[in-house]
Amino acid sequence: EIQAIRSQLPIITEEQVIMEAIHDNLVVLICGETGSGKTTQLPQFLYEAGYTVDGKMIGVTEPRRVAAISMASRVAHELNLTNDQVSYQIRYEGTFKKETTCIKFMTDGVLLKEVQNDFLLTNYSCILIDEAHERSVATDVLIGLLSRIVPIRCKRNDPLRLVIMSATMRIEEFINNRHLFKLKPKIINIDARQYPVTIHFNKQTPKNYIEEAYRKVSKIHRQLPSGGILVFVTGQQEVQTLCHRLRKKFPMNAQTESDVEPQFKSKKTRKKKQLSTDGKSSLGIIDEEELEHLQSDVEEEDEGKKEGSIT
């Protein structure tokens, strides 16, 4: 099943071209739209080509912590490796083990910290910079440092490959900057669009975008054929609120209760609160999230009945 999914990704058809370019060039730029498979497949290409022998690692930087965690899990699953072999490292948290890790996903800041302790990044054979088109401060500083590290490693007969991945073609800053790279990097373009995309706009800007998202998702779910719906909101609280309202509007049985799923897993622990009805009863433990939902349920019932109270 995994191989069937991988075979449908556009980057698979370019594997030979990409690996030859990385073998022959120290710096390679790969341009491919979102969904082409750059982030998950390229580390696998390098791993299968032997870039992790002699104790070296493949490093992949992500601009966000959630991306680093989820991509490490996905690549480990596809390669059938453990979390120690394909690990992640973010601030204050990670599964990285120097003795076993082959592929390491991390945030830009983590790699910058490593450069302070080991300027030549001697533990790595290849560094992949993902989402370079976002041009964050950390990413720009990192690319600038790597442009100096790569030629030094080459002179020491211990080459470090640098692969910069971008979702757009706006890469002139990297190509034409002679202060960054003396020689123009090799550029590989990947055709990514596997399906038609239609963009629809609201005629008016909504005053309450959470309410508008709730209304729009409900309408799509009722009127359009089956399929997935991906909704972007600004924070965890809004994700929980929207999912809670959708679950109430569209009750689901035990087999499909996960159809409305909040996508955040960076916080592994949640605070607990103890509740008791009187001094004699036993204490029950409930998540703060569940408590908020219970309180919101009661508030909605009170508004409907316009009477009653809760202690």
C-alpha atoms as a PDB file:
ATOM      1  CA  GLU A   1       0.000   0.000   0.000  1.00  0.00           C
ATOM      2  CA  ILE A   2       2.828   2.402   0.886  1.00  0.00           C
ATOM      3  CA  GLN A   3       4.638   1.687  -2.363  1.00  0.00           C
ATOM      4  CA  ALA A   4       1.432   2.262  -4.315  1.00  0.00           C
ATOM      5  CA  ILE A   5       1.036   5.694  -2.712  1.00  0.00           C
ATOM      6  CA  ARG A   6       4.696   6.575  -3.278  1.00  0.00           C
ATOM      7  CA  SER A   7       4.529   5.588  -6.934  1.00  0.00           C
ATOM      8  CA  GLN A   8       1.847   8.227  -7.543  1.00  0.00           C
ATOM      9  CA  LEU A   9       4.032  11.106  -6.325  1.00  0.00           C
ATOM     10  CA  PRO A  10       5.525  13.254  -9.109  1.00  0.00           C
ATOM     11  CA  ILE A  11       9.009  13.245  -7.563  1.00  0.00           C
ATOM     12  CA  ILE A  12       9.323   9.468  -8.012  1.00  0.00           C
ATOM     13  CA  THR A  13       9.711   9.852 -11.772  1.00  0.00           C
ATOM     14  CA  GLU A  14      12.606  12.262 -11.190  1.00  0.00           C
ATOM     15  CA  GLU A  15      14.530  10.088  -8.725  1.00  0.00           C
ATOM     16  CA  GLN A  16      17.344   9.171 -11.113  1.00  0.00           C
ATOM     17  CA  VAL A  17      17.801  12.771 -12.273  1.00  0.00           C
ATOM     18  CA  ILE A  18      17.805  14.089  -8.704  1.00  0.00           C
ATOM     19  CA  MET A  19      20.305  11.559  -7.384  1.00  0.00           C
ATOM     20  CA  GLU A  20      22.684  12.131 -10.303  1.00  0.00           C
ATOM     21  CA  ALA A  21      22.499  15.891  -9.709  1.00  0.00           C
ATOM     22  CA  ILE A  22      23.233  15.506  -5.987  1.00  0.00           C
ATOM     23  CA  HIS A  23      26.130  13.153  -6.739  1.00  0.00           C
ATOM     24  CA  ASP A  24      27.700  15.543  -9.263  1.00  0.00           C
ATOM     25  CA  ASN A  25      26.972  18.867  -7.495  1.00  0.00           C
ATOM     26  CA  LEU A  26      27.531  20.104  -3.972  1.00  0.00           C
ATOM     27  CA  VAL A  27      24.502  22.430  -4.080  1.00  0.00           C
ATOM     28  CA  VAL A  28      21.183  21.514  -5.717  1.00  0.00           C
ATOM     29  CA  LEU A  29      17.922  23.483  -5.861  1.00  0.00           C
ATOM     30  CA  ILE A  30      14.714  21.474  -6.190  1.00  0.00           C
ATOM     31  CA  CYS A  31      11.512  23.320  -7.114  1.00  0.00           C
ATOM     32  CA  GLY A  32       8.220  21.517  -6.790  1.00  0.00           C
ATOM     33  CA  GLU A  33       4.739  22.539  -5.757  1.00  0.00           C
ATOM     34  CA  THR A  34       3.167  21.373  -2.529  1.00  0.00           C
ATOM     35  CA  GLY A  35       2.201  17.725  -2.855  1.00  0.00           C
ATOM     36  CA  SER A  36       5.086  16.683  -5.091  1.00  0.00           C
ATOM     37  CA  GLY A  37       6.629  14.573  -2.320  1.00  0.00           C
ATOM     38  CA  LYS A  38       9.863  16.511  -1.805  1.00  0.00           C
ATOM     39  CA  THR A  39       9.927  16.427   1.973  1.00  0.00           C
ATOM     40  CA  THR A  40       9.116  12.752   2.475  1.00  0.00           C
ATOM     41  CA  GLN A  41      10.764  11.133  -0.547  1.00  0.00           C
ATOM     42  CA  LEU A  42      14.090  12.937  -0.927  1.00  0.00           C
ATOM     43  CA  PRO A  43      15.447  11.769   2.460  1.00  0.00           C
ATOM     44  CA  GLN A  44      14.475   8.238   1.460  1.00  0.00           C
ATOM     45  CA  PHE A  45      16.328   8.543  -1.863  1.00  0.00           C
ATOM     46  CA  LEU A  46      19.464   9.627  -0.032  1.00  0.00           C
ATOM     47  CA  TYR A  47      19.122   6.914   2.603  1.00  0.00           C
ATOM     48  CA  GLU A  48      18.713   4.199  -0.016  1.00  0.00           C
ATOM     49  CA  ALA A  49      21.704   5.601  -1.947  1.00  0.00           C
ATOM     50  CA  GLY A  50      23.982   5.103   1.063  1.00  0.00           C
ATOM     51  CA  TYR A  51      24.392   8.645   2.376  1.00  0.00           C
ATOM     52  CA  THR A  52      24.128   7.411   5.974  1.00  0.00           C
ATOM     53  CA  VAL A  53      27.099   5.023   5.924  1.00  0.00           C
ATOM     54  CA  ASP A  54      30.128   5.560   8.172  1.00  0.00           C
ATOM     55  CA  GLY A  55      27.937   7.025  10.882  1.00  0.00           C
ATOM     56  CA  LYS A  56      26.894  10.107   8.876  1.00  0.00           C
ATOM     57  CA  MET A  57      23.381  11.527   9.042  1.00  0.00           C
ATOM     58  CA  ILE A  58      20.946  13.163   6.640  1.00  0.00           C
ATOM     59  CA  GLY A  59      19.640  16.398   8.155  1.00  0.00           C
ATOM     60  CA  VAL A  60      16.314  17.946   7.150  1.00  0.00           C
ATOM     61  CA  THR A  61      15.278  21.367   8.441  1.00  0.00           C
ATOM     62  CA  GLU A  62      11.664  22.506   8.723  1.00  0.00           C
ATOM     63  CA  PRO A  63      10.404  26.006   9.579  1.00  0.00           C
ATOM     64  CA  ARG A  64       7.802  24.644  12.020  1.00  0.00           C
ATOM     65  CA  ARG A  65       7.949  22.133  14.863  1.00  0.00           C
ATOM     66  CA  VAL A  66       4.783  20.271  13.884  1.00  0.00           C
ATOM     67  CA  ALA A  67       6.190  19.637  10.400  1.00  0.00           C
ATOM     68  CA  ALA A  68       9.436  18.239  11.818  1.00  0.00           C
ATOM     69  CA  ILE A  69       7.572  15.839  14.112  1.00  0.00           C
ATOM     70  CA  SER A  70       5.022  14.629  11.560  1.00  0.00           C
ATOM     71  CA  MET A  71       7.530  14.229   8.724  1.00  0.00           C
ATOM     72  CA  ALA A  72       9.876  12.168  10.891  1.00  0.00           C
ATOM     73  CA  SER A  73       7.006   9.852  11.788  1.00  0.00           C
ATOM     74  CA  ARG A  74       5.903   9.518   8.166  1.00  0.00           C
ATOM     75  CA  VAL A  75       9.353   8.780   6.758  1.00  0.00           C
ATOM     76  CA  ALA A  76      10.030   6.225   9.504  1.00  0.00           C
ATOM     77  CA  HIS A  77       6.748   4.514   8.641  1.00  0.00           C
ATOM     78  CA  GLU A  78       7.484   4.406   4.912  1.00  0.00           C
ATOM     79  CA  LEU A  79      11.022   3.084   5.417  1.00  0.00           C
ATOM     80  CA  ASN A  80       9.901   0.655   8.133  1.00  0.00           C
ATOM     81  CA  LEU A  81      12.482   2.103  10.532  1.00  0.00           C
ATOM     82  CA  THR A  82      12.238   2.947  14.221  1.00  0.00           C
ATOM     83  CA  ASN A  83      11.846   6.414  15.715  1.00  0.00           C
ATOM     84  CA  ASP A  84      15.447   6.179  16.868  1.00  0.00           C
ATOM     85  CA  GLN A  85      16.642   5.748  13.278  1.00  0.00           C
ATOM     86  CA  VAL A  86      14.429   8.459  11.791  1.00  0.00           C
ATOM     87  CA  SER A  87      14.220  10.997  14.580  1.00  0.00           C
ATOM     88  CA  TYR A  88      13.200  14.598  15.147  1.00  0.00           C
ATOM     89  CA  GLN A  89      14.663  17.324  17.317  1.00  0.00           C
ATOM     90  CA  ILE A  90      12.902  20.507  18.314  1.00  0.00           C
ATOM     91  CA  ARG A  91      13.517  22.856  21.206  1.00  0.00           C
ATOM     92  CA  TYR A  92      13.389  20.970  24.532  1.00  0.00           C
ATOM     93  CA  GLU A  93      12.072  17.811  22.863  1.00  0.00           C
ATOM     94  CA  GLY A  94      13.182  15.102  20.471  1.00  0.00           C
ATOM     95  CA  THR A  95      13.876  11.428  19.761  1.00  0.00           C
ATOM     96  CA  PHE A  96      17.391  11.955  18.402  1.00  0.00           C
ATOM     97  CA  LYS A  97      20.044   9.429  19.465  1.00  0.00           C
ATOM     98  CA  LYS A  98      23.561   9.890  18.164  1.00  0.00           C
ATOM     99  CA  GLU A  99      24.261   6.156  18.107  1.00  0.00           C
ATOM    100  CA  THR A 100      21.270   5.120  15.980  1.00  0.00           C
ATOM    101  CA  THR A 101      19.837   8.120  14.085  1.00  0.00           C
ATOM    102  CA  CYS A 102      20.247   8.049  10.294  1.00  0.00           C
ATOM    103  CA  ILE A 103      17.758  10.739   9.247  1.00  0.00           C
ATOM    104  CA  LYS A 104      17.146  13.723  11.491  1.00  0.00           C
ATOM    105  CA  PHE A 105      14.282  16.201  11.069  1.00  0.00           C
ATOM    106  CA  MET A 106      14.685  19.448  12.990  1.00  0.00           C
ATOM    107  CA  THR A 107      13.764  23.106  13.049  1.00  0.00           C
ATOM    108  CA  ASP A 108      16.090  25.729  11.590  1.00  0.00           C
ATOM    109  CA  GLY A 109      17.006  26.948  15.047  1.00  0.00           C
ATOM    110  CA  VAL A 110      18.209  23.513  16.155  1.00  0.00           C
ATOM    111  CA  LEU A 111      20.659  23.276  13.254  1.00  0.00           C
ATOM    112  CA  LEU A 112      21.857  26.831  13.898  1.00  0.00           C
ATOM    113  CA  LYS A 113      22.619  25.771  17.461  1.00  0.00           C
ATOM    114  CA  GLU A 114      24.594  22.796  16.154  1.00  0.00           C
ATOM    115  CA  VAL A 115      26.623  25.087  13.901  1.00  0.00           C
ATOM    116  CA  GLN A 116      27.715  27.002  17.007  1.00  0.00           C
ATOM    117  CA  ASN A 117      29.116  23.813  18.529  1.00  0.00           C
ATOM    118  CA  ASP A 118      30.351  22.125  15.324  1.00  0.00           C
ATOM    119  CA  PHE A 119      30.810  24.688  12.571  1.00  0.00           C
ATOM    120  CA  LEU A 120      31.556  22.146   9.815  1.00  0.00           C
ATOM    121  CA  LEU A 121      28.628  19.877  10.771  1.00  0.00           C
ATOM    122  CA  THR A 122      30.909  16.856  10.573  1.00  0.00           C
ATOM    123  CA  ASN A 123      28.120  14.465  11.600  1.00  0.00           C
ATOM    124  CA  TYR A 124      26.164  15.126   8.394  1.00  0.00           C
ATOM    125  CA  SER A 125      26.654  13.947   4.831  1.00  0.00           C
ATOM    126  CA  CYS A 126      23.744  15.941   3.407  1.00  0.00           C
ATOM    127  CA  ILE A 127      21.592  18.859   4.592  1.00  0.00           C
ATOM    128  CA  LEU A 128      18.123  19.473   3.156  1.00  0.00           C
ATOM    129  CA  ILE A 129      16.578  22.922   3.654  1.00  0.00           C
ATOM    130  CA  ASP A 130      12.811  22.601   3.256  1.00  0.00           C
ATOM    131  CA  GLU A 131      10.384  25.466   2.540  1.00  0.00           C
ATOM    132  CA  ALA A 132      13.223  27.815   1.582  1.00  0.00           C
ATOM    133  CA  HIS A 133      10.750  30.067  -0.259  1.00  0.00           C
ATOM    134  CA  GLU A 134       9.349  31.252   3.088  1.00  0.00           C
ATOM    135  CA  ARG A 135      12.572  33.230   3.596  1.00  0.00           C
ATOM    136  CA  SER A 136      12.499  33.258   7.389  1.00  0.00           C
ATOM    137  CA  VAL A 137      15.413  34.867   9.223  1.00  0.00           C
ATOM    138  CA  ALA A 138      16.626  31.509  10.532  1.00  0.00           C
ATOM    139  CA  THR A 139      16.488  29.930   7.067  1.00  0.00           C
ATOM    140  CA  ASP A 140      18.366  32.793   5.403  1.00  0.00           C
ATOM    141  CA  VAL A 141      21.088  32.784   8.067  1.00  0.00           C
ATOM    142  CA  LEU A 142      21.379  29.017   7.794  1.00  0.00           C
ATOM    143  CA  ILE A 143      21.752  29.078   4.005  1.00  0.00           C
ATOM    144  CA  GLY A 144      24.382  31.804   4.317  1.00  0.00           C
ATOM    145  CA  LEU A 145      26.401  29.730   6.791  1.00  0.00           C
ATOM    146  CA  LEU A 146      26.049  26.556   4.739  1.00  0.00           C
ATOM    147  CA  SER A 147      27.289  28.373   1.629  1.00  0.00           C
ATOM    148  CA  ARG A 148      30.581  28.795   3.534  1.00  0.00           C
ATOM    149  CA  ILE A 149      30.630  25.361   5.144  1.00  0.00           C
ATOM    150  CA  VAL A 150      30.108  23.391   1.907  1.00  0.00           C
ATOM    151  CA  PRO A 151      33.344  24.521   0.130  1.00  0.00           C
ATOM    152  CA  ILE A 152      35.399  24.054   3.310  1.00  0.00           C
ATOM    153  CA  ARG A 153      34.149  20.490   3.699  1.00  0.00           C
ATOM    154  CA  CYS A 154      34.925  19.865   0.026  1.00  0.00           C
ATOM    155  CA  LYS A 155      38.544  20.997   0.461  1.00  0.00           C
ATOM    156  CA  ARG A 156      38.898  18.548   3.355  1.00  0.00           C
ATOM    157  CA  ASN A 157      37.756  15.643   1.152  1.00  0.00           C
ATOM    158  CA  ASP A 158      34.654  15.222   3.300  1.00  0.00           C
ATOM    159  CA  PRO A 159      31.976  16.777   1.067  1.00  0.00           C
ATOM    160  CA  LEU A 160      28.697  18.030   2.473  1.00  0.00           C
ATOM    161  CA  ARG A 161      25.775  18.086   0.037  1.00  0.00           C
ATOM    162  CA  LEU A 162      23.293  20.944   0.328  1.00  0.00           C
ATOM    163  CA  VAL A 163      19.803  20.553  -1.132  1.00  0.00           C
ATOM    164  CA  ILE A 164      17.496  23.587  -1.035  1.00  0.00           C
ATOM    165  CA  MET A 165      13.822  22.767  -1.586  1.00  0.00           C
ATOM    166  CA  SER A 166      11.301  25.397  -2.623  1.00  0.00           C
ATOM    167  CA  ALA A 167       7.624  25.289  -3.557  1.00  0.00           C
ATOM    168  CA  THR A 168       7.920  28.257  -5.943  1.00  0.00           C
ATOM    169  CA  MET A 169      10.085  29.297  -8.860  1.00  0.00           C
ATOM    170  CA  ARG A 170      11.098  32.546  -7.139  1.00  0.00           C
ATOM    171  CA  ILE A 171      14.659  31.412  -6.493  1.00  0.00           C
ATOM    172  CA  GLU A 172      16.605  34.180  -8.214  1.00  0.00           C
ATOM    173  CA  GLU A 173      17.993  35.207  -4.813  1.00  0.00           C
ATOM    174  CA  PHE A 174      19.818  31.890  -4.628  1.00  0.00           C
ATOM    175  CA  ILE A 175      20.792  31.531  -8.299  1.00  0.00           C
ATOM    176  CA  ASN A 176      22.162  34.988  -9.091  1.00  0.00           C
ATOM    177  CA  ASN A 177      23.782  35.756  -5.734  1.00  0.00           C
ATOM    178  CA  ARG A 178      27.521  35.382  -6.366  1.00  0.00           C
ATOM    179  CA  HIS A 179      28.259  36.189  -2.742  1.00  0.00           C
ATOM    180  CA  LEU A 180      26.214  33.165  -1.736  1.00  0.00           C
ATOM    181  CA  PHE A 181      27.319  30.574  -4.299  1.00  0.00           C
ATOM    182  CA  LYS A 182      30.265  31.168  -6.622  1.00  0.00           C
ATOM    183  CA  LEU A 183      28.886  28.648  -9.104  1.00  0.00           C
ATOM    184  CA  LYS A 184      25.223  28.505 -10.061  1.00  0.00           C
ATOM    185  CA  PRO A 185      23.529  25.621  -8.248  1.00  0.00           C
ATOM    186  CA  LYS A 186      21.968  22.812 -10.250  1.00  0.00           C
ATOM    187  CA  ILE A 187      18.212  23.392 -10.594  1.00  0.00           C
ATOM    188  CA  ILE A 188      15.611  20.623 -10.913  1.00  0.00           C
ATOM    189  CA  ASN A 189      11.939  21.378 -11.530  1.00  0.00           C
ATOM    190  CA  ILE A 190       9.249  18.890 -10.578  1.00  0.00           C
ATOM    191  CA  ASP A 191       5.782  18.956 -12.095  1.00  0.00           C
ATOM    192  CA  ALA A 192       3.506  18.527  -9.124  1.00  0.00           C
ATOM    193  CA  ARG A 193      -0.118  19.224  -9.916  1.00  0.00           C
ATOM    194  CA  GLN A 194      -1.888  15.871 -10.075  1.00  0.00           C
ATOM    195  CA  TYR A 195      -5.428  17.216  -9.982  1.00  0.00           C
ATOM    196  CA  PRO A 196      -7.330  20.353 -10.999  1.00  0.00           C
ATOM    197  CA  VAL A 197      -7.579  23.123  -8.420  1.00  0.00           C
ATOM    198  CA  THR A 198     -10.434  25.624  -8.409  1.00  0.00           C
ATOM    199  CA  ILE A 199     -10.351  28.677  -6.145  1.00  0.00           C
ATOM    200  CA  HIS A 200     -13.595  30.212  -4.865  1.00  0.00           C
ATOM    201  CA  PHE A 201     -13.758  33.501  -2.969  1.00  0.00           C
ATOM    202  CA  ASN A 202     -16.394  34.857  -0.620  1.00  0.00           C
ATOM    203  CA  LYS A 203     -18.100  37.952  -1.962  1.00  0.00           C
ATOM    204  CA  GLN A 204     -17.692  39.664   1.395  1.00  0.00           C
ATOM    205  CA  THR A 205     -15.092  39.446   4.133  1.00  0.00           C
ATOM    206  CA  PRO A 206     -16.745  37.676   7.100  1.00  0.00           C
ATOM    207  CA  LYS A 207     -16.837  39.480  10.434  1.00  0.00           C
ATOM    208  CA  ASN A 208     -16.477  36.173  12.299  1.00  0.00           C
ATOM    209  CA  TYR A 209     -14.329  33.788  10.299  1.00  0.00           C
ATOM    210  CA  ILE A 210     -14.783  30.890  12.764  1.00  0.00           C
ATOM    211  CA  GLU A 211     -18.555  31.106  12.357  1.00  0.00           C
ATOM    212  CA  GLU A 212     -18.129  31.364   8.590  1.00  0.00           C
ATOM    213  CA  ALA A 213     -15.838  28.315   8.542  1.00  0.00           C
ATOM    214  CA  TYR A 214     -18.395  26.356  10.581  1.00  0.00           C
ATOM    215  CA  ARG A 215     -21.209  27.360   8.228  1.00  0.00           C
ATOM    216  CA  LYS A 216     -19.184  26.586   5.100  1.00  0.00           C
ATOM    217  CA  VAL A 217     -18.030  23.155   6.302  1.00  0.00           C
ATOM    218  CA  SER A 218     -21.591  22.233   7.270  1.00  0.00           C
ATOM    219  CA  LYS A 219     -22.860  23.258   3.837  1.00  0.00           C
ATOM    220  CA  ILE A 220     -20.144  21.328   1.996  1.00  0.00           C
ATOM    221  CA  HIS A 221     -20.735  18.231   4.128  1.00  0.00           C
ATOM    222  CA  ARG A 222     -24.473  18.252   3.410  1.00  0.00           C
ATOM    223  CA  GLN A 223     -24.511  19.189  -0.266  1.00  0.00           C
ATOM    224  CA  LEU A 224     -21.334  17.869  -1.913  1.00  0.00           C
ATOM    225  CA  PRO A 225     -20.062  14.309  -2.539  1.00  0.00           C
ATOM    226  CA  SER A 226     -17.985  12.536   0.081  1.00  0.00           C
ATOM    227  CA  GLY A 227     -14.394  13.617   0.586  1.00  0.00           C
ATOM    228  CA  GLY A 228     -12.034  15.323   2.983  1.00  0.00           C
ATOM    229  CA  ILE A 229     -12.250  18.920   4.203  1.00  0.00           C
ATOM    230  CA  LEU A 230      -9.172  20.749   5.489  1.00  0.00           C
ATOM    231  CA  VAL A 231      -9.806  23.914   7.502  1.00  0.00           C
ATOM    232  CA  PHE A 232      -7.092  26.343   8.611  1.00  0.00           C
ATOM    233  CA  VAL A 233      -7.619  28.421  11.744  1.00  0.00           C
ATOM    234  CA  THR A 234      -5.181  30.380  13.864  1.00  0.00           C
ATOM    235  CA  GLY A 235      -4.821  28.447  17.111  1.00  0.00           C
ATOM    236  CA  GLN A 236      -5.456  25.334  19.169  1.00  0.00           C
ATOM    237  CA  GLN A 237      -8.458  26.776  20.989  1.00  0.00           C
ATOM    238  CA  GLU A 238     -10.193  27.593  17.714  1.00  0.00           C
ATOM    239  CA  VAL A 239      -9.441  24.097  16.386  1.00  0.00           C
ATOM    240  CA  GLN A 240     -11.024  22.532  19.471  1.00  0.00           C
ATOM    241  CA  THR A 241     -14.049  24.820  19.333  1.00  0.00           C
ATOM    242  CA  LEU A 242     -14.717  24.160  15.654  1.00  0.00           C
ATOM    243  CA  CYS A 243     -14.279  20.384  15.991  1.00  0.00           C
ATOM    244  CA  HIS A 244     -16.550  20.298  19.032  1.00  0.00           C
ATOM    245  CA  ARG A 245     -19.331  22.179  17.249  1.00  0.00           C
ATOM    246  CA  LEU A 246     -19.057  19.972  14.151  1.00  0.00           C
ATOM    247  CA  ARG A 247     -19.214  16.792  16.221  1.00  0.00           C
ATOM    248  CA  LYS A 248     -22.388  18.050  17.891  1.00  0.00           C
ATOM    249  CA  LYS A 249     -23.999  19.027  14.596  1.00  0.00           C
ATOM    250  CA  PHE A 250     -23.099  15.754  12.867  1.00  0.00           C
ATOM    251  CA  PRO A 251     -23.178  12.961  15.493  1.00  0.00           C
ATOM    252  CA  MET A 252     -20.993  10.027  14.538  1.00  0.00           C
ATOM    253  CA  ASN A 253     -20.934   6.421  15.647  1.00  0.00           C
ATOM    254  CA  ALA A 254     -17.974   4.715  17.267  1.00  0.00           C
ATOM    255  CA  GLN A 255     -16.487   3.655  13.949  1.00  0.00           C
ATOM    256  CA  THR A 256     -16.288   7.177  12.557  1.00  0.00           C
ATOM    257  CA  GLU A 257     -15.784   9.320  15.638  1.00  0.00           C
ATOM    258  CA  SER A 258     -12.307  10.310  14.410  1.00  0.00           C
ATOM    259  CA  ASP A 259     -13.647  11.774  11.163  1.00  0.00           C
ATOM    260  CA  VAL A 260     -13.453  15.230  12.731  1.00  0.00           C
ATOM    261  CA  GLU A 261      -9.899  15.355  13.989  1.00  0.00           C
ATOM    262  CA  PRO A 262      -7.932  18.311  15.349  1.00  0.00           C
ATOM    263  CA  GLN A 263      -4.467  18.349  13.811  1.00  0.00           C
ATOM    264  CA  PHE A 264      -2.118  19.354  16.588  1.00  0.00           C
ATOM    265  CA  LYS A 265      -0.001  16.885  18.530  1.00  0.00           C
ATOM    266  CA  SER A 266       2.920  18.924  19.753  1.00  0.00           C
ATOM    267  CA  LYS A 267       1.682  18.978  23.359  1.00  0.00           C
ATOM    268  CA  LYS A 268       1.870  15.483  24.765  1.00  0.00           C
ATOM    269  CA  THR A 269       0.504  16.244  28.222  1.00  0.00           C
ATOM    270  CA  ARG A 270      -2.545  18.154  29.331  1.00  0.00           C
ATOM    271  CA  LYS A 271      -3.436  19.563  32.707  1.00  0.00           C
ATOM    272  CA  LYS A 272      -5.950  17.622  34.769  1.00  0.00           C
ATOM    273  CA  LYS A 273      -8.592  18.974  37.132  1.00  0.00           C
ATOM    274  CA  GLN A 274     -10.288  17.124  39.973  1.00  0.00           C
ATOM    275  CA  LEU A 275     -14.038  17.411  40.459  1.00  0.00           C
ATOM    276  CA  SER A 276     -16.191  16.323  43.382  1.00  0.00           C
ATOM    277  CA  THR A 277     -19.882  16.777  44.166  1.00  0.00           C
ATOM    278  CA  ASP A 278     -19.530  16.574  47.940  1.00  0.00           C
ATOM    279  CA  GLY A 279     -17.074  15.625  50.606  1.00  0.00           C
ATOM    280  CA  LYS A 280     -18.067  11.931  50.628  1.00  0.00           C
ATOM    281  CA  SER A 281     -17.979  11.151  46.930  1.00  0.00           C
ATOM    282  CA  SER A 282     -14.840   9.945  45.214  1.00  0.00           C
ATOM    283  CA  LEU A 283     -12.815  12.300  43.052  1.00  0.00           C
ATOM    284  CA  GLY A 284     -12.901  12.030  39.281  1.00  0.00           C
ATOM    285  CA  ILE A 285     -10.194  13.309  36.946  1.00  0.00           C
ATOM    286  CA  ILE A 286     -11.048  15.184  33.787  1.00  0.00           C
ATOM    287  CA  ASP A 287      -9.041  17.023  31.124  1.00  0.00           C
ATOM    288  CA  GLU A 288      -9.258  20.810  31.043  1.00  0.00           C
ATOM    289  CA  GLU A 289     -10.353  20.466  27.408  1.00  0.00           C
ATOM    290  CA  GLU A 290     -13.229  18.169  28.370  1.00  0.00           C
ATOM    291  CA  LEU A 291     -14.192  20.502  31.214  1.00  0.00           C
ATOM    292  CA  GLU A 292     -14.438  23.430  28.791  1.00  0.00           C
ATOM    293  CA  HIS A 293     -16.661  21.357  26.515  1.00  0.00           C
ATOM    294  CA  LEU A 294     -18.920  20.393  29.432  1.00  0.00           C
ATOM    295  CA  GLN A 295     -19.193  24.016  30.478  1.00  0.00           C
ATOM    296  CA  SER A 296     -20.024  25.102  26.931  1.00  0.00           C
ATOM    297  CA  ASP A 297     -22.695  22.374  26.714  1.00  0.00           C
ATOM    298  CA  VAL A 298     -24.339  23.618  29.892  1.00  0.00           C
ATOM    299  CA  GLU A 299     -24.197  27.231  28.722  1.00  0.00           C
ATOM    300  CA  GLU A 300     -25.895  26.309  25.442  1.00  0.00           C
ATOM    301  CA  GLU A 301     -28.620  24.388  27.305  1.00  0.00           C
ATOM    302  CA  ASP A 302     -29.192  27.353  29.619  1.00  0.00           C
ATOM    303  CA  GLU A 303     -29.523  29.714  26.694  1.00  0.00           C
ATOM    304  CA  GLY A 304     -32.105  27.413  25.128  1.00  0.00           C
ATOM    305  CA  LYS A 305     -34.194  26.938  28.252  1.00  0.00           C
ATOM    306  CA  LYS A 306     -33.700  30.434  29.697  1.00  0.00           C
ATOM    307  CA  GLU A 307     -33.909  28.880  33.153  1.00  0.00           C
ATOM    308  CA  GLY A 308     -32.102  26.602  35.568  1.00  0.00           C
ATOM    309  CA  SER A 309     -28.700  26.917  37.186  1.00  0.00           C
ATOM    310  CA  ILE A 310     -25.516  24.951  37.734  1.00  0.00           C
ATOM    311  CA  THR A 311     -23.427  24.707  40.856  1.00  0.00           C
END
